Each structure stands twice: as C-alpha cells, then as structure tokens.
PDB file of all heavy atoms in Angstrom:
ATOM      1  N   TYR A   1      -6.928   4.515   9.637  1.00  0.00           N
ATOM      2  CA  TYR A   1      -6.030   5.551  10.221  1.00  0.00           C
ATOM      3  C   TYR A   1      -4.958   4.858  10.968  1.00  0.00           C
ATOM      4  O   TYR A   1      -5.136   3.785  11.508  1.00  0.00           O
ATOM      5  CB  TYR A   1      -6.855   6.397  11.276  1.00  0.00           C
ATOM      6  CG  TYR A   1      -5.989   7.140  12.193  1.00  0.00           C
ATOM      7  CD1 TYR A   1      -5.470   8.407  11.875  1.00  0.00           C
ATOM      8  CD2 TYR A   1      -5.684   6.567  13.474  1.00  0.00           C
ATOM      9  CE1 TYR A   1      -4.624   9.070  12.713  1.00  0.00           C
ATOM     10  CE2 TYR A   1      -4.806   7.256  14.281  1.00  0.00           C
ATOM     11  CZ  TYR A   1      -4.337   8.469  13.990  1.00  0.00           C
ATOM     12  OH  TYR A   1      -3.459   9.118  14.849  1.00  0.00           O
ATOM     13  N   TYR A   2      -3.771   5.462  10.891  1.00  0.00           N
ATOM     14  CA  TYR A   2      -2.576   4.941  11.717  1.00  0.00           C
ATOM     15  C   TYR A   2      -1.931   6.097  12.496  1.00  0.00           C
ATOM     16  O   TYR A   2      -1.767   7.185  11.938  1.00  0.00           O
ATOM     17  CB  TYR A   2      -1.567   4.358  10.784  1.00  0.00           C
ATOM     18  CG  TYR A   2      -2.063   3.143  10.012  1.00  0.00           C
ATOM     19  CD1 TYR A   2      -2.569   3.251   8.717  1.00  0.00           C
ATOM     20  CD2 TYR A   2      -2.072   1.937  10.602  1.00  0.00           C
ATOM     21  CE1 TYR A   2      -3.044   2.173   8.024  1.00  0.00           C
ATOM     22  CE2 TYR A   2      -2.502   0.749   9.930  1.00  0.00           C
ATOM     23  CZ  TYR A   2      -2.973   0.886   8.587  1.00  0.00           C
ATOM     24  OH  TYR A   2      -3.488  -0.145   8.010  1.00  0.00           O
ATOM     25  N   ALA A   3      -1.523   5.734  13.679  1.00  0.00           N
ATOM     26  CA  ALA A   3      -0.636   6.707  14.400  1.00  0.00           C
ATOM     27  C   ALA A   3       0.701   6.776  13.668  1.00  0.00           C
ATOM     28  O   ALA A   3       1.110   5.807  13.036  1.00  0.00           O
ATOM     29  CB  ALA A   3      -0.445   6.190  15.794  1.00  0.00           C
ATOM     30  N   ASP A   4       1.254   7.941  13.682  1.00  0.00           N
ATOM     31  CA  ASP A   4       2.536   8.153  12.962  1.00  0.00           C
ATOM     32  C   ASP A   4       3.583   7.081  13.372  1.00  0.00           C
ATOM     33  O   ASP A   4       4.403   6.685  12.546  1.00  0.00           O
ATOM     34  CB  ASP A   4       3.069   9.534  13.195  1.00  0.00           C
ATOM     35  CG  ASP A   4       2.245  10.602  12.504  1.00  0.00           C
ATOM     36  OD1 ASP A   4       1.498  10.278  11.586  1.00  0.00           O
ATOM     37  OD2 ASP A   4       2.425  11.821  12.859  1.00  0.00           O
ATOM     38  N   SER A   5       3.609   6.757  14.629  1.00  0.00           N
ATOM     39  CA  SER A   5       4.653   5.828  15.153  1.00  0.00           C
ATOM     40  C   SER A   5       4.556   4.425  14.589  1.00  0.00           C
ATOM     41  O   SER A   5       5.526   3.673  14.606  1.00  0.00           O
ATOM     42  CB  SER A   5       4.539   5.745  16.679  1.00  0.00           C
ATOM     43  OG  SER A   5       3.278   5.182  17.110  1.00  0.00           O
ATOM     44  N   VAL A   6       3.486   4.051  13.956  1.00  0.00           N
ATOM     45  CA  VAL A   6       3.318   2.734  13.415  1.00  0.00           C
ATOM     46  C   VAL A   6       3.138   2.659  11.920  1.00  0.00           C
ATOM     47  O   VAL A   6       3.067   1.530  11.367  1.00  0.00           O
ATOM     48  CB  VAL A   6       2.112   1.949  14.126  1.00  0.00           C
ATOM     49  CG1 VAL A   6       2.354   1.991  15.646  1.00  0.00           C
ATOM     50  CG2 VAL A   6       0.788   2.487  13.737  1.00  0.00           C
ATOM     51  N   LYS A   7       3.063   3.739  11.352  1.00  0.00           N
ATOM     52  CA  LYS A   7       2.868   3.792   9.854  1.00  0.00           C
ATOM     53  C   LYS A   7       3.949   3.054   9.136  1.00  0.00           C
ATOM     54  O   LYS A   7       5.168   3.172   9.438  1.00  0.00           O
ATOM     55  CB  LYS A   7       2.805   5.224   9.325  1.00  0.00           C
ATOM     56  CG  LYS A   7       1.475   5.940   9.618  1.00  0.00           C
ATOM     57  CD  LYS A   7       1.477   7.343   9.089  1.00  0.00           C
ATOM     58  CE  LYS A   7       0.191   8.038   9.384  1.00  0.00           C
ATOM     59  NZ  LYS A   7       0.175   9.475   9.001  1.00  0.00           N
ATOM     60  N   GLY A   8       3.606   2.172   8.170  1.00  0.00           N
ATOM     61  CA  GLY A   8       4.610   1.389   7.486  1.00  0.00           C
ATOM     62  C   GLY A   8       4.943   0.085   8.123  1.00  0.00           C
ATOM     63  O   GLY A   8       5.554  -0.734   7.495  1.00  0.00           O
ATOM     64  N   ARG A   9       4.562  -0.071   9.406  1.00  0.00           N
ATOM     65  CA  ARG A   9       4.833  -1.359  10.080  1.00  0.00           C
ATOM     66  C   ARG A   9       3.585  -2.075  10.479  1.00  0.00           C
ATOM     67  O   ARG A   9       3.618  -3.293  10.539  1.00  0.00           O
ATOM     68  CB  ARG A   9       5.670  -1.016  11.353  1.00  0.00           C
ATOM     69  CG  ARG A   9       7.041  -0.476  11.074  1.00  0.00           C
ATOM     70  CD  ARG A   9       7.859  -0.388  12.341  1.00  0.00           C
ATOM     71  NE  ARG A   9       7.252   0.572  13.344  1.00  0.00           N
ATOM     72  CZ  ARG A   9       6.816   0.185  14.510  1.00  0.00           C
ATOM     73  NH1 ARG A   9       6.888  -1.102  14.909  1.00  0.00           N
ATOM     74  NH2 ARG A   9       6.268   1.050  15.313  1.00  0.00           N
ATOM     75  N   PHE A  10       2.516  -1.328  10.805  1.00  0.00           N
ATOM     76  CA  PHE A  10       1.269  -1.964  11.217  1.00  0.00           C
ATOM     77  C   PHE A  10       0.251  -1.809  10.151  1.00  0.00           C
ATOM     78  O   PHE A  10       0.231  -0.838   9.414  1.00  0.00           O
ATOM     79  CB  PHE A  10       0.761  -1.304  12.467  1.00  0.00           C
ATOM     80  CG  PHE A  10       1.548  -1.539  13.712  1.00  0.00           C
ATOM     81  CD1 PHE A  10       2.794  -2.144  13.720  1.00  0.00           C
ATOM     82  CD2 PHE A  10       0.940  -1.287  14.979  1.00  0.00           C
ATOM     83  CE1 PHE A  10       3.514  -2.379  14.851  1.00  0.00           C
ATOM     84  CE2 PHE A  10       1.638  -1.520  16.166  1.00  0.00           C
ATOM     85  CZ  PHE A  10       3.000  -2.052  16.152  1.00  0.00           C
ATOM     86  N   THR A  11      -0.643  -2.802  10.064  1.00  0.00           N
ATOM     87  CA  THR A  11      -1.763  -2.752   9.110  1.00  0.00           C
ATOM     88  C   THR A  11      -2.979  -3.134   9.787  1.00  0.00           C
ATOM     89  O   THR A  11      -3.058  -4.271  10.395  1.00  0.00           O
ATOM     90  CB  THR A  11      -1.466  -3.718   7.894  1.00  0.00           C
ATOM     91  OG1 THR A  11      -0.226  -3.322   7.278  1.00  0.00           O
ATOM     92  CG2 THR A  11      -2.618  -3.557   6.880  1.00  0.00           C
ATOM     93  N   ILE A  12      -4.036  -2.329   9.700  1.00  0.00           N
ATOM     94  CA  ILE A  12      -5.344  -2.686  10.196  1.00  0.00           C
ATOM     95  C   ILE A  12      -6.199  -3.067   9.038  1.00  0.00           C
ATOM     96  O   ILE A  12      -6.147  -2.483   8.003  1.00  0.00           O
ATOM     97  CB  ILE A  12      -5.921  -1.595  11.078  1.00  0.00           C
ATOM     98  CG1 ILE A  12      -7.206  -1.998  11.790  1.00  0.00           C
ATOM     99  CG2 ILE A  12      -6.175  -0.398  10.270  1.00  0.00           C
ATOM    100  CD1 ILE A  12      -7.768  -1.032  12.797  1.00  0.00           C
ATOM    101  N   SER A  13      -7.037  -4.152   9.234  1.00  0.00           N
ATOM    102  CA  SER A  13      -7.891  -4.580   8.178  1.00  0.00           C
ATOM    103  C   SER A  13      -9.147  -5.261   8.726  1.00  0.00           C
ATOM    104  O   SER A  13      -9.160  -5.605   9.945  1.00  0.00           O
ATOM    105  CB  SER A  13      -7.115  -5.547   7.220  1.00  0.00           C
ATOM    106  OG  SER A  13      -6.718  -6.696   7.926  1.00  0.00           O
ATOM    107  N   GLN A  14     -10.111  -5.474   7.910  1.00  0.00           N
ATOM    108  CA  GLN A  14     -11.329  -6.221   8.360  1.00  0.00           C
ATOM    109  C   GLN A  14     -11.577  -7.359   7.284  1.00  0.00           C
ATOM    110  O   GLN A  14     -11.269  -7.108   6.132  1.00  0.00           O
ATOM    111  CB  GLN A  14     -12.521  -5.334   8.491  1.00  0.00           C
ATOM    112  CG  GLN A  14     -12.877  -4.581   7.266  1.00  0.00           C
ATOM    113  CD  GLN A  14     -13.984  -3.531   7.582  1.00  0.00           C
ATOM    114  OE1 GLN A  14     -14.402  -3.332   8.725  1.00  0.00           O
ATOM    115  NE2 GLN A  14     -14.453  -2.816   6.541  1.00  0.00           N
ATOM    116  N   ASP A  15     -12.097  -8.497   7.709  1.00  0.00           N
ATOM    117  CA  ASP A  15     -12.305  -9.585   6.805  1.00  0.00           C
ATOM    118  C   ASP A  15     -13.614  -9.352   6.038  1.00  0.00           C
ATOM    119  O   ASP A  15     -14.363  -8.422   6.219  1.00  0.00           O
ATOM    120  CB  ASP A  15     -12.219 -10.907   7.512  1.00  0.00           C
ATOM    121  CG  ASP A  15     -13.394 -11.126   8.492  1.00  0.00           C
ATOM    122  OD1 ASP A  15     -14.364 -10.412   8.437  1.00  0.00           O
ATOM    123  OD2 ASP A  15     -13.230 -12.057   9.338  1.00  0.00           O
ATOM    124  N   ASN A  16     -13.870 -10.307   5.119  1.00  0.00           N
ATOM    125  CA  ASN A  16     -15.002 -10.169   4.241  1.00  0.00           C
ATOM    126  C   ASN A  16     -16.364 -10.154   4.907  1.00  0.00           C
ATOM    127  O   ASN A  16     -17.278  -9.560   4.452  1.00  0.00           O
ATOM    128  CB  ASN A  16     -14.962 -11.221   3.146  1.00  0.00           C
ATOM    129  CG  ASN A  16     -13.839 -11.080   2.125  1.00  0.00           C
ATOM    130  OD1 ASN A  16     -13.335  -9.991   1.922  1.00  0.00           O
ATOM    131  ND2 ASN A  16     -13.413 -12.239   1.535  1.00  0.00           N
ATOM    132  N   THR A  17     -16.428 -10.864   6.027  1.00  0.00           N
ATOM    133  CA  THR A  17     -17.657 -10.883   6.751  1.00  0.00           C
ATOM    134  C   THR A  17     -17.850  -9.641   7.650  1.00  0.00           C
ATOM    135  O   THR A  17     -18.902  -9.540   8.267  1.00  0.00           O
ATOM    136  CB  THR A  17     -17.765 -12.149   7.726  1.00  0.00           C
ATOM    137  OG1 THR A  17     -16.688 -12.092   8.657  1.00  0.00           O
ATOM    138  CG2 THR A  17     -17.549 -13.415   6.836  1.00  0.00           C
ATOM    139  N   LYS A  18     -16.852  -8.829   7.745  1.00  0.00           N
ATOM    140  CA  LYS A  18     -16.873  -7.641   8.576  1.00  0.00           C
ATOM    141  C   LYS A  18     -17.076  -7.825  10.080  1.00  0.00           C
ATOM    142  O   LYS A  18     -17.499  -6.909  10.789  1.00  0.00           O
ATOM    143  CB  LYS A  18     -17.954  -6.712   8.062  1.00  0.00           C
ATOM    144  CG  LYS A  18     -17.952  -6.442   6.517  1.00  0.00           C
ATOM    145  CD  LYS A  18     -16.896  -5.469   6.177  1.00  0.00           C
ATOM    146  CE  LYS A  18     -17.000  -5.194   4.686  1.00  0.00           C
ATOM    147  NZ  LYS A  18     -16.475  -3.865   4.306  1.00  0.00           N
ATOM    148  N   ASN A  19     -16.752  -9.027  10.497  1.00  0.00           N
ATOM    149  CA  ASN A  19     -16.936  -9.309  11.957  1.00  0.00           C
ATOM    150  C   ASN A  19     -15.606  -9.459  12.663  1.00  0.00           C
ATOM    151  O   ASN A  19     -15.589  -9.701  13.885  1.00  0.00           O
ATOM    152  CB  ASN A  19     -17.821 -10.478  12.201  1.00  0.00           C
ATOM    153  CG  ASN A  19     -17.231 -11.786  11.700  1.00  0.00           C
ATOM    154  OD1 ASN A  19     -16.267 -11.787  10.928  1.00  0.00           O
ATOM    155  ND2 ASN A  19     -17.779 -12.850  12.114  1.00  0.00           N
ATOM    156  N   THR A  20     -14.498  -9.349  11.981  1.00  0.00           N
ATOM    157  CA  THR A  20     -13.190  -9.475  12.591  1.00  0.00           C
ATOM    158  C   THR A  20     -12.304  -8.378  12.094  1.00  0.00           C
ATOM    159  O   THR A  20     -12.187  -8.181  10.900  1.00  0.00           O
ATOM    160  CB  THR A  20     -12.554 -10.844  12.352  1.00  0.00           C
ATOM    161  OG1 THR A  20     -13.368 -11.888  12.862  1.00  0.00           O
ATOM    162  CG2 THR A  20     -11.153 -10.894  12.991  1.00  0.00           C
ATOM    163  N   VAL A  21     -11.643  -7.705  12.953  1.00  0.00           N
ATOM    164  CA  VAL A  21     -10.654  -6.659  12.662  1.00  0.00           C
ATOM    165  C   VAL A  21      -9.306  -7.166  13.035  1.00  0.00           C
ATOM    166  O   VAL A  21      -9.119  -7.652  14.154  1.00  0.00           O
ATOM    167  CB  VAL A  21     -10.998  -5.322  13.324  1.00  0.00           C
ATOM    168  CG1 VAL A  21      -9.831  -4.330  13.079  1.00  0.00           C
ATOM    169  CG2 VAL A  21     -12.367  -4.753  12.838  1.00  0.00           C
ATOM    170  N   TRP A  22      -8.289  -7.052  12.201  1.00  0.00           N
ATOM    171  CA  TRP A  22      -6.995  -7.535  12.338  1.00  0.00           C
ATOM    172  C   TRP A  22      -6.037  -6.371  12.525  1.00  0.00           C
ATOM    173  O   TRP A  22      -6.244  -5.315  11.952  1.00  0.00           O
ATOM    174  CB  TRP A  22      -6.554  -8.340  11.168  1.00  0.00           C
ATOM    175  CG  TRP A  22      -7.417  -9.536  10.917  1.00  0.00           C
ATOM    176  CD1 TRP A  22      -8.503  -9.568  10.022  1.00  0.00           C
ATOM    177  CD2 TRP A  22      -7.300 -10.846  11.452  1.00  0.00           C
ATOM    178  NE1 TRP A  22      -9.064 -10.848  10.048  1.00  0.00           N
ATOM    179  CE2 TRP A  22      -8.385 -11.597  10.845  1.00  0.00           C
ATOM    180  CE3 TRP A  22      -6.450 -11.464  12.386  1.00  0.00           C
ATOM    181  CZ2 TRP A  22      -8.502 -12.959  11.206  1.00  0.00           C
ATOM    182  CZ3 TRP A  22      -6.627 -12.789  12.661  1.00  0.00           C
ATOM    183  CH2 TRP A  22      -7.660 -13.548  12.105  1.00  0.00           C
ATOM    184  N   LEU A  23      -5.053  -6.573  13.350  1.00  0.00           N
ATOM    185  CA  LEU A  23      -3.879  -5.646  13.406  1.00  0.00           C
ATOM    186  C   LEU A  23      -2.664  -6.427  13.165  1.00  0.00           C
ATOM    187  O   LEU A  23      -2.183  -7.195  14.042  1.00  0.00           O
ATOM    188  CB  LEU A  23      -3.857  -4.986  14.742  1.00  0.00           C
ATOM    189  CG  LEU A  23      -2.732  -3.886  14.868  1.00  0.00           C
ATOM    190  CD1 LEU A  23      -3.090  -2.685  13.892  1.00  0.00           C
ATOM    191  CD2 LEU A  23      -2.633  -3.408  16.282  1.00  0.00           C
ATOM    192  N   GLN A  24      -2.098  -6.316  11.988  1.00  0.00           N
ATOM    193  CA  GLN A  24      -0.774  -6.924  11.735  1.00  0.00           C
ATOM    194  C   GLN A  24       0.334  -6.003  12.154  1.00  0.00           C
ATOM    195  O   GLN A  24       0.366  -4.813  11.698  1.00  0.00           O
ATOM    196  CB  GLN A  24      -0.669  -7.213  10.181  1.00  0.00           C
ATOM    197  CG  GLN A  24       0.675  -7.846   9.780  1.00  0.00           C
ATOM    198  CD  GLN A  24       0.910  -9.202  10.288  1.00  0.00           C
ATOM    199  OE1 GLN A  24       0.049 -10.039  10.235  1.00  0.00           O
ATOM    200  NE2 GLN A  24       2.108  -9.452  10.917  1.00  0.00           N
ATOM    201  N   MET A  25       1.183  -6.441  13.022  1.00  0.00           N
ATOM    202  CA  MET A  25       2.224  -5.672  13.584  1.00  0.00           C
ATOM    203  C   MET A  25       3.563  -6.273  13.195  1.00  0.00           C
ATOM    204  O   MET A  25       3.925  -7.378  13.597  1.00  0.00           O
ATOM    205  CB  MET A  25       2.117  -5.559  15.094  1.00  0.00           C
ATOM    206  CG  MET A  25       0.751  -5.138  15.572  1.00  0.00           C
ATOM    207  SD  MET A  25       0.698  -4.861  17.308  1.00  0.00           S
ATOM    208  CE  MET A  25       0.952  -6.615  17.900  1.00  0.00           C
ATOM    209  N   ASN A  26       4.328  -5.527  12.417  1.00  0.00           N
ATOM    210  CA  ASN A  26       5.695  -5.900  11.968  1.00  0.00           C
ATOM    211  C   ASN A  26       6.691  -4.993  12.601  1.00  0.00           C
ATOM    212  O   ASN A  26       6.390  -3.889  12.922  1.00  0.00           O
ATOM    213  CB  ASN A  26       5.749  -5.915  10.443  1.00  0.00           C
ATOM    214  CG  ASN A  26       4.796  -6.876   9.807  1.00  0.00           C
ATOM    215  OD1 ASN A  26       4.492  -7.902  10.350  1.00  0.00           O
ATOM    216  ND2 ASN A  26       4.348  -6.449   8.604  1.00  0.00           N
ATOM    217  N   GLY A  27       7.912  -5.502  12.631  1.00  0.00           N
ATOM    218  CA  GLY A  27       9.024  -4.635  13.130  1.00  0.00           C
ATOM    219  C   GLY A  27       8.790  -4.150  14.542  1.00  0.00           C
ATOM    220  O   GLY A  27       9.089  -2.990  14.809  1.00  0.00           O
ATOM    221  N   LEU A  28       8.318  -5.023  15.485  1.00  0.00           N
ATOM    222  CA  LEU A  28       8.028  -4.652  16.769  1.00  0.00           C
ATOM    223  C   LEU A  28       9.205  -4.149  17.524  1.00  0.00           C
ATOM    224  O   LEU A  28      10.309  -4.765  17.447  1.00  0.00           O
ATOM    225  CB  LEU A  28       7.287  -5.748  17.467  1.00  0.00           C
ATOM    226  CG  LEU A  28       5.821  -5.897  17.047  1.00  0.00           C
ATOM    227  CD1 LEU A  28       5.264  -7.280  17.430  1.00  0.00           C
ATOM    228  CD2 LEU A  28       4.927  -4.838  17.701  1.00  0.00           C
ATOM    229  N   LYS A  29       8.994  -3.172  18.372  1.00  0.00           N
ATOM    230  CA  LYS A  29      10.039  -2.568  19.230  1.00  0.00           C
ATOM    231  C   LYS A  29       9.725  -2.863  20.659  1.00  0.00           C
ATOM    232  O   LYS A  29       8.603  -2.950  21.085  1.00  0.00           O
ATOM    233  CB  LYS A  29      10.116  -1.019  18.969  1.00  0.00           C
ATOM    234  CG  LYS A  29      10.250  -0.712  17.515  1.00  0.00           C
ATOM    235  CD  LYS A  29      10.150   0.768  17.283  1.00  0.00           C
ATOM    236  CE  LYS A  29      10.232   1.122  15.830  1.00  0.00           C
ATOM    237  NZ  LYS A  29      10.130   2.582  15.656  1.00  0.00           N
ATOM    238  N   PRO A  30      10.802  -2.882  21.519  1.00  0.00           N
ATOM    239  CA  PRO A  30      10.535  -3.143  22.937  1.00  0.00           C
ATOM    240  C   PRO A  30       9.645  -2.170  23.633  1.00  0.00           C
ATOM    241  O   PRO A  30       8.807  -2.532  24.467  1.00  0.00           O
ATOM    242  CB  PRO A  30      11.935  -3.063  23.530  1.00  0.00           C
ATOM    243  CG  PRO A  30      12.884  -3.511  22.405  1.00  0.00           C
ATOM    244  CD  PRO A  30      12.190  -2.888  21.226  1.00  0.00           C
ATOM    245  N   GLU A  31       9.664  -0.930  23.172  1.00  0.00           N
ATOM    246  CA  GLU A  31       8.807   0.084  23.775  1.00  0.00           C
ATOM    247  C   GLU A  31       7.373  -0.059  23.445  1.00  0.00           C
ATOM    248  O   GLU A  31       6.465   0.620  23.980  1.00  0.00           O
ATOM    249  CB  GLU A  31       9.307   1.480  23.385  1.00  0.00           C
ATOM    250  CG  GLU A  31       9.361   1.779  21.872  1.00  0.00           C
ATOM    251  CD  GLU A  31      10.704   1.512  21.317  1.00  0.00           C
ATOM    252  OE1 GLU A  31      11.388   0.590  21.774  1.00  0.00           O
ATOM    253  OE2 GLU A  31      11.040   2.275  20.387  1.00  0.00           O
ATOM    254  N   GLU A  32       7.084  -0.990  22.532  1.00  0.00           N
ATOM    255  CA  GLU A  32       5.726  -1.338  22.133  1.00  0.00           C
ATOM    256  C   GLU A  32       5.072  -2.454  22.947  1.00  0.00           C
ATOM    257  O   GLU A  32       3.984  -2.862  22.675  1.00  0.00           O
ATOM    258  CB  GLU A  32       5.591  -1.578  20.622  1.00  0.00           C
ATOM    259  CG  GLU A  32       5.916  -0.321  19.805  1.00  0.00           C
ATOM    260  CD  GLU A  32       5.969  -0.517  18.294  1.00  0.00           C
ATOM    261  OE1 GLU A  32       6.548  -1.529  17.906  1.00  0.00           O
ATOM    262  OE2 GLU A  32       5.485   0.318  17.648  1.00  0.00           O
ATOM    263  N   THR A  33       5.848  -2.896  23.931  1.00  0.00           N
ATOM    264  CA  THR A  33       5.269  -3.792  24.901  1.00  0.00           C
ATOM    265  C   THR A  33       4.142  -3.156  25.658  1.00  0.00           C
ATOM    266  O   THR A  33       4.309  -2.196  26.288  1.00  0.00           O
ATOM    267  CB  THR A  33       6.345  -4.291  25.889  1.00  0.00           C
ATOM    268  OG1 THR A  33       7.358  -5.044  25.181  1.00  0.00           O
ATOM    269  CG2 THR A  33       5.811  -5.146  26.976  1.00  0.00           C
ATOM    270  N   SER A  34       3.003  -3.774  25.512  1.00  0.00           N
ATOM    271  CA  SER A  34       1.787  -3.185  26.078  1.00  0.00           C
ATOM    272  C   SER A  34       0.651  -4.165  26.069  1.00  0.00           C
ATOM    273  O   SER A  34       0.721  -5.221  25.449  1.00  0.00           O
ATOM    274  CB  SER A  34       1.282  -1.905  25.212  1.00  0.00           C
ATOM    275  OG  SER A  34       2.225  -0.929  25.192  1.00  0.00           O
TER     276      SER A  34
END
C-alpha cells in the first residue's frame, strides 16, 4: 500500500528472509523532512 503522496516515488519491499522491510524513497521533497 502507498499513500497517494508518495506513489511513483517510494517503494516498500521485504527481502527474501522476510526479516527486513525496505523503504526506497526517490525524488524527496523538503516537506518530507520527518
């Protein structure tokens, strides 16, 4: 699932061992400072 504001820029995934979840964030904006 993705919030509308990040669709197309962020990708969430899990690795093969299923013990790590990644969030790849591209095209970051200043308002996303958090």
